[in-house]
């Protein structure tokens, strides 16, 4: 019975984490839909990604037009 309770707790925590991740992705989608300001969109994506990943920093790169090179934002 203890194994079952432990397994259910792990499953519940995993489901909560996935729900939080989906909420964050939904918020990103809403922000993108509300604005066409690329800088504002990228700033919000980086902040939300940091929260989601519990990170102190993040790097964003965009592919240069007509090139295989990426530039840091």
Protein backbone atom coordinates (compact mmCIF):
# COMPACT_ATOMS: atom_id res chain seq x y z
CA UNK A 1 0.00 0.00 0.00
CA UNK A 2 2.90 2.37 0.77
CA UNK A 3 4.32 1.77 -2.72
CA UNK A 4 0.99 2.70 -4.29
CA UNK A 5 0.77 5.93 -2.27
CA UNK A 6 4.34 6.83 -3.23
CA UNK A 7 3.66 6.12 -6.91
CA UNK A 8 0.51 8.22 -6.85
CA UNK A 9 2.39 11.10 -5.22
CA UNK A 10 5.10 10.98 -7.92
CA UNK A 11 2.41 10.88 -10.64
CA UNK A 12 0.58 13.83 -9.05
CA UNK A 13 3.77 15.93 -8.83
CA UNK A 14 4.58 15.16 -12.45
CA UNK A 15 1.07 16.16 -13.52
CA UNK A 16 1.34 19.41 -11.57
CA UNK A 17 4.68 20.21 -13.25
CA UNK A 18 3.24 19.54 -16.70
CA UNK A 19 0.22 21.72 -15.93
CA UNK A 20 2.52 24.55 -14.85
CA UNK A 21 4.59 24.19 -18.01
CA UNK A 22 1.46 24.26 -20.18
CA UNK A 23 0.20 27.37 -18.36
CA UNK A 24 3.52 29.09 -19.05
CA UNK A 25 3.41 28.14 -22.73
CA UNK A 26 -0.18 29.38 -22.95
CA UNK A 27 0.86 32.71 -21.44
CA UNK A 28 3.67 33.00 -23.98
CA UNK A 29 1.18 32.37 -26.78
CA UNK A 30 -1.16 35.06 -25.45
CA UNK A 31 1.66 37.59 -25.22
CA UNK A 32 2.74 36.87 -28.77
CA UNK A 33 -0.83 37.23 -30.02
CA UNK A 34 -1.23 40.61 -28.25
CA UNK A 35 1.87 42.32 -29.60
CA UNK A 36 3.96 42.51 -32.71
CA UNK A 37 6.91 44.09 -30.87
CA UNK A 38 9.64 41.49 -31.39
CA UNK A 39 11.81 42.82 -28.56
CA UNK A 40 8.94 42.70 -26.06
CA UNK A 41 7.99 39.19 -27.18
CA UNK A 42 11.55 37.87 -26.85
CA UNK A 43 12.02 39.50 -23.44
CA UNK A 44 8.82 37.89 -22.17
CA UNK A 45 9.77 34.49 -23.61
CA UNK A 46 13.17 34.65 -21.91
CA UNK A 47 11.67 35.64 -18.55
CA UNK A 48 9.04 32.92 -18.66
CA UNK A 49 11.58 30.31 -19.78
CA UNK A 50 13.83 31.27 -16.86
CA UNK A 51 10.93 30.81 -14.44
CA UNK A 52 9.89 27.53 -16.02
CA UNK A 53 13.42 26.11 -15.94
CA UNK A 54 14.34 27.69 -12.58
CA UNK A 55 17.34 29.29 -14.29
CA UNK A 56 19.44 32.36 -13.51
CA UNK A 57 19.94 33.25 -17.16
CA UNK A 58 19.04 32.36 -20.71
CA UNK A 59 20.42 33.01 -24.17
CA UNK A 60 18.27 33.57 -27.24
CA UNK A 61 19.57 33.24 -30.77
CA UNK A 62 17.84 34.06 -34.04
CA UNK A 63 18.87 32.81 -37.43
CA UNK A 64 20.06 35.61 -39.66
CA UNK A 65 17.95 36.05 -42.80
CA UNK A 66 19.33 34.18 -45.81
CA UNK A 67 22.13 32.70 -43.71
CA UNK A 68 23.03 29.70 -41.60
CA UNK A 69 24.44 31.99 -38.91
CA UNK A 70 22.73 32.73 -35.64
CA UNK A 71 22.94 36.02 -33.79
CA UNK A 72 22.47 36.40 -30.05
CA UNK A 73 19.59 38.58 -28.96
